[in-house]
PDB file of N, CA and C in Angstrom:
ATOM      1  N   UNK A   1      31.315 118.165 149.477  1.00  0.00           N
ATOM      2  CA  UNK A   1      31.821 117.042 149.504  1.00  0.00           C
ATOM      3  C   UNK A   1      32.768 117.477 148.093  1.00  0.00           C
ATOM      4  N   UNK A   2      33.681 117.858 147.325  1.00  0.00           N
ATOM      5  CA  UNK A   2      33.613 118.005 145.861  1.00  0.00           C
ATOM      6  C   UNK A   2      33.869 116.777 144.920  1.00  0.00           C
ATOM      7  N   UNK A   3      33.025 116.861 143.887  1.00  0.00           N
ATOM      8  CA  UNK A   3      32.658 116.152 143.306  1.00  0.00           C
ATOM      9  C   UNK A   3      34.546 114.963 142.780  1.00  0.00           C
ATOM     10  N   UNK A   4      35.547 114.878 142.357  1.00  0.00           N
ATOM     11  CA  UNK A   4      36.904 114.143 142.968  1.00  0.00           C
ATOM     12  C   UNK A   4      36.459 113.151 144.490  1.00  0.00           C
ATOM     13  N   UNK A   5      36.474 113.736 145.026  1.00  0.00           N
ATOM     14  CA  UNK A   5      35.698 113.178 146.129  1.00  0.00           C
ATOM     15  C   UNK A   5      34.839 112.139 146.403  1.00  0.00           C
ATOM     16  N   UNK A   6      33.730 112.198 145.446  1.00  0.00           N
ATOM     17  CA  UNK A   6      32.571 111.978 145.810  1.00  0.00           C
ATOM     18  C   UNK A   6      32.820 110.762 144.460  1.00  0.00           C
ATOM     19  N   UNK A   7      34.230 110.529 143.566  1.00  0.00           N
ATOM     20  CA  UNK A   7      33.924 109.839 142.708  1.00  0.00           C
ATOM     21  C   UNK A   7      35.132 108.658 143.316  1.00  0.00           C
ATOM     22  N   UNK A   8      35.912 109.053 143.697  1.00  0.00           N
ATOM     23  CA  UNK A   8      37.013 108.195 144.355  1.00  0.00           C
ATOM     24  C   UNK A   8      35.948 107.868 145.603  1.00  0.00           C
ATOM     25  N   UNK A   9      35.228 108.103 146.355  1.00  0.00           N
ATOM     26  CA  UNK A   9      34.764 106.572 146.932  1.00  0.00           C
ATOM     27  C   UNK A   9      33.745 106.003 147.036  1.00  0.00           C
ATOM     28  N   UNK A  10      33.742 106.624 145.838  1.00  0.00           N
ATOM     29  CA  UNK A  10      32.188 105.361 145.119  1.00  0.00           C
ATOM     30  C   UNK A  10      32.827 104.228 144.615  1.00  0.00           C
ATOM     31  N   UNK A  11      34.042 104.875 143.959  1.00  0.00           N
ATOM     32  CA  UNK A  11      35.130 103.672 143.308  1.00  0.00           C
ATOM     33  C   UNK A  11      35.727 102.900 144.016  1.00  0.00           C
ATOM     34  N   UNK A  12      35.529 102.885 145.830  1.00  0.00           N
ATOM     35  CA  UNK A  12      36.590 102.160 146.329  1.00  0.00           C
ATOM     36  C   UNK A  12      35.247 101.625 147.555  1.00  0.00           C
ATOM     37  N   UNK A  13      34.070 102.063 147.242  1.00  0.00           N
ATOM     38  CA  UNK A  13      33.322 101.353 148.158  1.00  0.00           C
ATOM     39  C   UNK A  13      33.376 100.017 147.855  1.00  0.00           C
ATOM     40  N   UNK A  14      33.157  99.560 146.979  1.00  0.00           N
ATOM     41  CA  UNK A  14      32.780  97.756 147.082  1.00  0.00           C
ATOM     42  C   UNK A  14      34.066  96.670 147.992  1.00  0.00           C
ATOM     43  N   UNK A  15      35.014  97.800 147.332  1.00  0.00           N
ATOM     44  CA  UNK A  15      36.311  96.778 148.394  1.00  0.00           C
ATOM     45  C   UNK A  15      36.203  96.549 149.629  1.00  0.00           C
ATOM     46  N   UNK A  16      35.516  97.568 150.305  1.00  0.00           N
ATOM     47  CA  UNK A  16      35.453  98.443 151.665  1.00  0.00           C
ATOM     48  C   UNK A  16      33.671  97.281 151.816  1.00  0.00           C
ATOM     49  N   UNK A  17      33.184  97.420 151.215  1.00  0.00           N
ATOM     50  CA  UNK A  17      31.665  96.067 151.602  1.00  0.00           C
ATOM     51  C   UNK A  17      31.898  94.945 151.976  1.00  0.00           C
ATOM     52  N   UNK A  18      32.750  94.587 151.098  1.00  0.00           N
ATOM     53  CA  UNK A  18      33.549  93.475 150.735  1.00  0.00           C
ATOM     54  C   UNK A  18      34.669  93.050 151.794  1.00  0.00           C
ATOM     55  N   UNK A  19      35.459  94.305 152.819  1.00  0.00           N
ATOM     56  CA  UNK A  19      36.193  94.001 154.103  1.00  0.00           C
ATOM     57  C   UNK A  19      36.915  92.825 154.355  1.00  0.00           C
ATOM     58  N   UNK A  20      35.047  92.122 155.432  1.00  0.00           N
ATOM     59  CA  UNK A  20      35.227  91.356 156.539  1.00  0.00           C
ATOM     60  C   UNK A  20      35.189  89.780 155.853  1.00  0.00           C
ATOM     61  N   UNK A  21      34.391  89.942 153.790  1.00  0.00           N
ATOM     62  CA  UNK A  21      34.500  88.992 153.428  1.00  0.00           C
ATOM     63  C   UNK A  21      35.496  87.938 153.428  1.00  0.00           C
ATOM     64  N   UNK A  22      36.801  89.092 153.524  1.00  0.00           N
ATOM     65  CA  UNK A  22      38.163  89.003 152.641  1.00  0.00           C
ATOM     66  C   UNK A  22      38.526  88.529 153.969  1.00  0.00           C
ATOM     67  N   UNK A  23      38.659  88.320 155.272  1.00  0.00           N
ATOM     68  CA  UNK A  23      38.747  88.262 156.180  1.00  0.00           C
ATOM     69  C   UNK A  23      38.872  86.871 156.270  1.00  0.00           C
ATOM     70  N   UNK A  24      38.304  85.593 155.581  1.00  0.00           N
ATOM     71  CA  UNK A  24      38.433  84.598 155.759  1.00  0.00           C
ATOM     72  C   UNK A  24      38.534  83.869 154.415  1.00  0.00           C
ATOM     73  N   UNK A  25      39.779  85.081 153.827  1.00  0.00           N
ATOM     74  CA  UNK A  25      40.928  84.246 152.458  1.00  0.00           C
ATOM     75  C   UNK A  25      41.741  83.864 154.105  1.00  0.00           C
ATOM     76  N   UNK A  26      41.700  82.283 154.003  1.00  0.00           N
ATOM     77  CA  UNK A  26      43.390  82.299 155.002  1.00  0.00           C
ATOM     78  C   UNK A  26      44.641  82.358 153.915  1.00  0.00           C
ATOM     79  N   UNK A  27      44.515  82.454 153.150  1.00  0.00           N
ATOM     80  CA  UNK A  27      46.090  82.002 152.598  1.00  0.00           C
ATOM     81  C   UNK A  27      46.548  83.269 152.052  1.00  0.00           C
ATOM     82  N   UNK A  28      48.066  83.078 151.465  1.00  0.00           N
ATOM     83  CA  UNK A  28      47.753  84.461 150.955  1.00  0.00           C
ATOM     84  C   UNK A  28      47.028  84.463 148.448  1.00  0.00           C
ATOM     85  N   UNK A  29      47.419  82.946 148.280  1.00  0.00           N
ATOM     86  CA  UNK A  29      46.366  83.060 147.143  1.00  0.00           C
ATOM     87  C   UNK A  29      44.662  82.533 147.238  1.00  0.00           C
ATOM     88  N   UNK A  30      44.633  82.711 148.221  1.00  0.00           N
ATOM     89  CA  UNK A  30      42.747  82.767 148.615  1.00  0.00           C
ATOM     90  C   UNK A  30      42.076  84.337 148.220  1.00  0.00           C
ATOM     91  N   UNK A  31      43.318  85.512 148.637  1.00  0.00           N
ATOM     92  CA  UNK A  31      43.298  87.186 149.173  1.00  0.00           C
ATOM     93  C   UNK A  31      43.427  86.703 146.942  1.00  0.00           C
ATOM     94  N   UNK A  32      44.625  85.885 146.518  1.00  0.00           N
ATOM     95  CA  UNK A  32      44.836  86.419 145.275  1.00  0.00           C
ATOM     96  C   UNK A  32      44.083  86.918 144.906  1.00  0.00           C
ATOM     97  N   UNK A  33      43.014  85.559 143.669  1.00  0.00           N
ATOM     98  CA  UNK A  33      42.027  85.406 143.756  1.00  0.00           C
ATOM     99  C   UNK A  33      40.816  86.908 143.650  1.00  0.00           C
ATOM    100  N   UNK A  34      40.517  87.144 144.240  1.00  0.00           N
ATOM    101  CA  UNK A  34      39.307  88.242 144.813  1.00  0.00           C
ATOM    102  C   UNK A  34      40.211  89.725 143.622  1.00  0.00           C
ATOM    103  N   UNK A  35      41.472  89.758 144.731  1.00  0.00           N
ATOM    104  CA  UNK A  35      42.390  91.464 144.374  1.00  0.00           C
ATOM    105  C   UNK A  35      42.616  91.136 142.711  1.00  0.00           C
ATOM    106  N   UNK A  36      42.656  89.759 141.889  1.00  0.00           N
ATOM    107  CA  UNK A  36      42.719  89.805 139.921  1.00  0.00           C
ATOM    108  C   UNK A  36      41.560  89.936 139.237  1.00  0.00           C
ATOM    109  N   UNK A  37      40.200  89.931 140.672  1.00  0.00           N
ATOM    110  CA  UNK A  37      38.870  90.045 139.689  1.00  0.00           C
ATOM    111  C   UNK A  37      38.659  91.656 139.732  1.00  0.00           C
ATOM    112  N   UNK A  38      38.814  92.347 140.989  1.00  0.00           N
ATOM    113  CA  UNK A  38      38.629  92.976 140.920  1.00  0.00           C
ATOM    114  C   UNK A  38      39.473  94.517 140.302  1.00  0.00           C
ATOM    115  N   UNK A  39      40.899  94.199 140.378  1.00  0.00           N
ATOM    116  CA  UNK A  39      41.358  94.131 139.354  1.00  0.00           C
ATOM    117  C   UNK A  39      41.079  94.586 137.597  1.00  0.00           C
ATOM    118  N   UNK A  40      40.642  93.547 137.144  1.00  0.00           N
ATOM    119  CA  UNK A  40      40.261  93.574 135.921  1.00  0.00           C
ATOM    120  C   UNK A  40      38.809  93.799 135.599  1.00  0.00           C
ATOM    121  N   UNK A  41      37.803  93.564 137.260  1.00  0.00           N
ATOM    122  CA  UNK A  41      36.950  95.005 137.038  1.00  0.00           C
ATOM    123  C   UNK A  41      36.948  95.936 136.593  1.00  0.00           C
ATOM    124  N   UNK A  42      38.109  96.834 137.561  1.00  0.00           N
ATOM    125  CA  UNK A  42      37.953  97.714 137.887  1.00  0.00           C
ATOM    126  C   UNK A  42      38.910  98.764 135.879  1.00  0.00           C
ATOM    127  N   UNK A  43      39.915  98.050 135.546  1.00  0.00           N
ATOM    128  CA  UNK A  43      40.799  98.424 134.028  1.00  0.00           C
ATOM    129  C   UNK A  43      39.718  97.720 132.393  1.00  0.00           C
ATOM    130  N   UNK A  44      38.316  97.060 133.405  1.00  0.00           N
ATOM    131  CA  UNK A  44      37.296  96.897 132.126  1.00  0.00           C
ATOM    132  C   UNK A  44      36.274  99.015 132.131  1.00  0.00           C
ATOM    133  N   UNK A  45      36.790  98.924 133.259  1.00  0.00           N
ATOM    134  CA  UNK A  45      35.589 100.571 134.143  1.00  0.00           C
ATOM    135  C   UNK A  45      36.625 101.467 132.843  1.00  0.00           C
ATOM    136  N   UNK A  46      37.673 101.051 133.252  1.00  0.00           N
ATOM    137  CA  UNK A  46      38.525 102.447 133.450  1.00  0.00           C
ATOM    138  C   UNK A  46      38.502 102.967 132.341  1.00  0.00           C
ATOM    139  N   UNK A  47      37.746 101.405 131.602  1.00  0.00           N
ATOM    140  CA  UNK A  47      38.453 101.712 129.340  1.00  0.00           C
ATOM    141  C   UNK A  47      37.000 101.380 129.303  1.00  0.00           C
ATOM    142  N   UNK A  48      35.781 102.212 129.665  1.00  0.00           N
ATOM    143  CA  UNK A  48      34.616 102.424 129.085  1.00  0.00           C
ATOM    144  C   UNK A  48      33.664 101.072 128.530  1.00  0.00           C
ATOM    145  N   UNK A  49      34.147  99.505 129.192  1.00  0.00           N
ATOM    146  CA  UNK A  49      34.043  98.336 128.764  1.00  0.00           C
ATOM    147  C   UNK A  49      32.765  98.099 130.179  1.00  0.00           C
ATOM    148  N   UNK A  50      31.537  97.761 129.780  1.00  0.00           N
ATOM    149  CA  UNK A  50      30.438  96.744 130.805  1.00  0.00           C
ATOM    150  C   UNK A  50      31.054  95.816 131.326  1.00  0.00           C
ATOM    151  N   UNK A  51      30.937  95.715 133.060  1.00  0.00           N
ATOM    152  CA  UNK A  51      31.866  95.095 133.459  1.00  0.00           C
ATOM    153  C   UNK A  51      31.392  93.588 133.308  1.00  0.00           C
ATOM    154  N   UNK A  52      30.307  93.835 133.475  1.00  0.00           N
ATOM    155  CA  UNK A  52      29.074  91.783 133.482  1.00  0.00           C
ATOM    156  C   UNK A  52      30.040  91.786 131.763  1.00  0.00           C
ATOM    157  N   UNK A  53      29.753  92.468 131.110  1.00  0.00           N
ATOM    158  CA  UNK A  53      29.794  91.834 129.834  1.00  0.00           C
ATOM    159  C   UNK A  53      31.167  91.687 129.705  1.00  0.00           C
ATOM    160  N   UNK A  54      32.291  91.975 130.334  1.00  0.00           N
ATOM    161  CA  UNK A  54      33.699  91.828 129.635  1.00  0.00           C
ATOM    162  C   UNK A  54      33.776  90.152 130.925  1.00  0.00           C
ATOM    163  N   UNK A  55      33.466  90.408 131.767  1.00  0.00           N
ATOM    164  CA  UNK A  55      33.743  89.260 132.898  1.00  0.00           C
ATOM    165  C   UNK A  55      33.145  88.287 132.555  1.00  0.00           C
ATOM    166  N   UNK A  56      31.918  88.282 131.202  1.00  0.00           N
ATOM    167  CA  UNK A  56      31.790  86.640 130.762  1.00  0.00           C
ATOM    168  C   UNK A  56      32.023  86.447 129.228  1.00  0.00           C
ATOM    169  N   UNK A  57      33.032  87.792 128.973  1.00  0.00           N
ATOM    170  CA  UNK A  57      33.601  87.047 128.245  1.00  0.00           C
ATOM    171  C   UNK A  57      34.336  86.201 127.431  1.00  0.00           C
ATOM    172  N   UNK A  58      35.505  86.809 128.497  1.00  0.00           N
ATOM    173  CA  UNK A  58      36.214  86.500 128.879  1.00  0.00           C
ATOM    174  C   UNK A  58      36.757  84.991 130.095  1.00  0.00           C
ATOM    175  N   UNK A  59      35.363  85.084 130.848  1.00  0.00           N
ATOM    176  CA  UNK A  59      35.518  83.311 130.956  1.00  0.00           C
ATOM    177  C   UNK A  59      34.800  82.482 130.667  1.00  0.00           C
ATOM    178  N   UNK A  60      34.168  83.517 129.323  1.00  0.00           N
ATOM    179  CA  UNK A  60      33.230  81.320 127.873  1.00  0.00           C
ATOM    180  C   UNK A  60      35.327  81.614 127.172  1.00  0.00           C
ATOM    181  N   UNK A  61      35.706  82.664 127.009  1.00  0.00           N
ATOM    182  CA  UNK A  61      37.418  82.452 125.866  1.00  0.00           C
ATOM    183  C   UNK A  61      38.234  81.951 126.854  1.00  0.00           C
ATOM    184  N   UNK A  62      37.493  81.554 128.210  1.00  0.00           N
ATOM    185  CA  UNK A  62      39.506  81.066 128.825  1.00  0.00           C
ATOM    186  C   UNK A  62      39.657  79.861 128.719  1.00  0.00           C
ATOM    187  N   UNK A  63      38.226  78.476 128.600  1.00  0.00           N
ATOM    188  CA  UNK A  63      38.182  77.151 128.493  1.00  0.00           C
ATOM    189  C   UNK A  63      39.478  77.303 127.028  1.00  0.00           C
ATOM    190  N   UNK A  64      39.102  78.211 125.914  1.00  0.00           N
ATOM    191  CA  UNK A  64      39.195  77.487 124.026  1.00  0.00           C
ATOM    192  C   UNK A  64      40.607  78.714 124.350  1.00  0.00           C
ATOM    193  N   UNK A  65      41.870  78.872 125.141  1.00  0.00           N
ATOM    194  CA  UNK A  65      43.097  79.863 124.722  1.00  0.00           C
ATOM    195  C   UNK A  65      44.269  78.894 125.685  1.00  0.00           C
ATOM    196  N   UNK A  66      44.552  78.567 124.010  1.00  0.00           N
ATOM    197  CA  UNK A  66      46.393  77.651 124.424  1.00  0.00           C
ATOM    198  C   UNK A  66      47.431  78.465 124.341  1.00  0.00           C
ATOM    199  N   UNK A  67      47.633  80.005 124.642  1.00  0.00           N
ATOM    200  CA  UNK A  67      48.923  80.001 124.458  1.00  0.00           C
ATOM    201  C   UNK A  67      48.677  81.228 125.996  1.00  0.00           C
ATOM    202  N   UNK A  68      49.956  82.230 125.924  1.00  0.00           N
ATOM    203  CA  UNK A  68      49.992  82.964 126.493  1.00  0.00           C
ATOM    204  C   UNK A  68      49.526  84.810 125.874  1.00  0.00           C
ATOM    205  N   UNK A  69      49.225  84.642 124.805  1.00  0.00           N
ATOM    206  CA  UNK A  69      49.313  85.291 123.875  1.00  0.00           C
ATOM    207  C   UNK A  69      47.987  85.739 123.794  1.00  0.00           C
ATOM    208  N   UNK A  70      46.954  84.805 124.083  1.00  0.00           N
ATOM    209  CA  UNK A  70      45.646  85.308 123.652  1.00  0.00           C
ATOM    210  C   UNK A  70      45.245  85.393 125.005  1.00  0.00           C
ATOM    211  N   UNK A  71      46.093  85.077 126.099  1.00  0.00           N
ATOM    212  CA  UNK A  71      45.264  85.029 127.129  1.00  0.00           C
ATOM    213  C   UNK A  71      46.196  87.511 127.765  1.00  0.00           C
ATOM    214  N   UNK A  72      46.734  87.851 126.634  1.00  0.00           N
ATOM    215  CA  UNK A  72      46.720  88.912 126.201  1.00  0.00           C
ATOM    216  C   UNK A  72      46.026  89.938 126.420  1.00  0.00           C
ATOM    217  N   UNK A  73      45.197  89.450 124.180  1.00  0.00           N
ATOM    218  CA  UNK A  73      44.807  90.481 124.058  1.00  0.00           C
ATOM    219  C   UNK A  73      42.942  90.011 124.700  1.00  0.00           C
ATOM    220  N   UNK A  74      42.888  89.603 125.702  1.00  0.00           N
ATOM    221  CA  UNK A  74      41.659  89.901 126.997  1.00  0.00           C
ATOM    222  C   UNK A  74      42.018  90.796 127.786  1.00  0.00           C
ATOM    223  N   UNK A  75      43.754  91.586 127.908  1.00  0.00           N
ATOM    224  CA  UNK A  75      42.913  92.205 128.846  1.00  0.00           C
ATOM    225  C   UNK A  75      42.237  93.096 128.437  1.00  0.00           C
ATOM    226  N   UNK A  76      41.836  94.046 129.412  1.00  0.00           N
ATOM    227  CA  UNK A  76      40.587  95.643 128.922  1.00  0.00           C
ATOM    228  C   UNK A  76      41.926  96.242 128.325  1.00  0.00           C
ATOM    229  N   UNK A  77      42.746  96.471 128.020  1.00  0.00           N
ATOM    230  CA  UNK A  77      43.550  97.374 127.584  1.00  0.00           C
ATOM    231  C   UNK A  77      43.637  97.364 125.685  1.00  0.00           C
ATOM    232  N   UNK A  78      42.970  95.668 125.744  1.00  0.00           N
ATOM    233  CA  UNK A  78      43.500  94.980 124.561  1.00  0.00           C
ATOM    234  C   UNK A  78      42.598  94.904 123.832  1.00  0.00           C
ATOM    235  N   UNK A  79      41.529  94.651 124.981  1.00  0.00           N
ATOM    236  CA  UNK A  79      40.150  93.696 124.071  1.00  0.00           C
ATOM    237  C   UNK A  79      39.670  94.207 122.850  1.00  0.00           C
ATOM    238  N   UNK A  80      39.542  93.292 121.373  1.00  0.00           N
ATOM    239  CA  UNK A  80      38.479  94.185 121.233  1.00  0.00           C
ATOM    240  C   UNK A  80      36.988  93.850 121.161  1.00  0.00           C
ATOM    241  N   UNK A  81      37.081  95.244 121.149  1.00  0.00           N
ATOM    242  CA  UNK A  81      35.168  95.720 122.043  1.00  0.00           C
ATOM    243  C   UNK A  81      34.459  95.506 120.878  1.00  0.00           C
ATOM    244  N   UNK A  82      34.294  94.899 119.440  1.00  0.00           N
ATOM    245  CA  UNK A  82      33.469  93.913 118.913  1.00  0.00           C
ATOM    246  C   UNK A  82      32.932  92.874 119.346  1.00  0.00           C
ATOM    247  N   UNK A  83      33.747  91.694 120.573  1.00  0.00           N
ATOM    248  CA  UNK A  83      33.601  91.069 120.774  1.00  0.00           C
ATOM    249  C   UNK A  83      32.818  90.884 121.958  1.00  0.00           C
ATOM    250  N   UNK A  84      33.198  92.127 121.888  1.00  0.00           N
ATOM    251  CA  UNK A  84      31.923  91.615 124.350  1.00  0.00           C
ATOM    252  C   UNK A  84      30.425  91.943 123.075  1.00  0.00           C
ATOM    253  N   UNK A  85      30.713  93.332 122.041  1.00  0.00           N
ATOM    254  CA  UNK A  85      29.266  94.505 121.490  1.00  0.00           C
ATOM    255  C   UNK A  85      28.952  93.176 121.302  1.00  0.00           C
ATOM    256  N   UNK A  86      28.910  92.162 120.382  1.00  0.00           N
ATOM    257  CA  UNK A  86      28.406  91.531 119.359  1.00  0.00           C
ATOM    258  C   UNK A  86      27.301  90.196 120.840  1.00  0.00           C
ATOM    259  N   UNK A  87      27.892  89.741 121.586  1.00  0.00           N
ATOM    260  CA  UNK A  87      27.210  88.689 122.791  1.00  0.00           C
ATOM    261  C   UNK A  87      25.905  89.475 123.210  1.00  0.00           C
TER     262      UNK A  87
END
């Protein structure tokens, strides 16, 4: 098995493991929420951000957000790394 194959397999493993749990998402909105979270976490990994610290930062920051521009800067590709590293 090649390195790229193992890498791809390892990246999708959490989704395959969670598949049985998702069967109980009986509405599109119920399925959309975990899809959004997984998307953010994978984007954080791609941007070399520790997923736990990133998600913690976002969840702590969101209650104080007042406009869409403040949400946009929380995206993994735009986040201020200093704000995460200081925690």
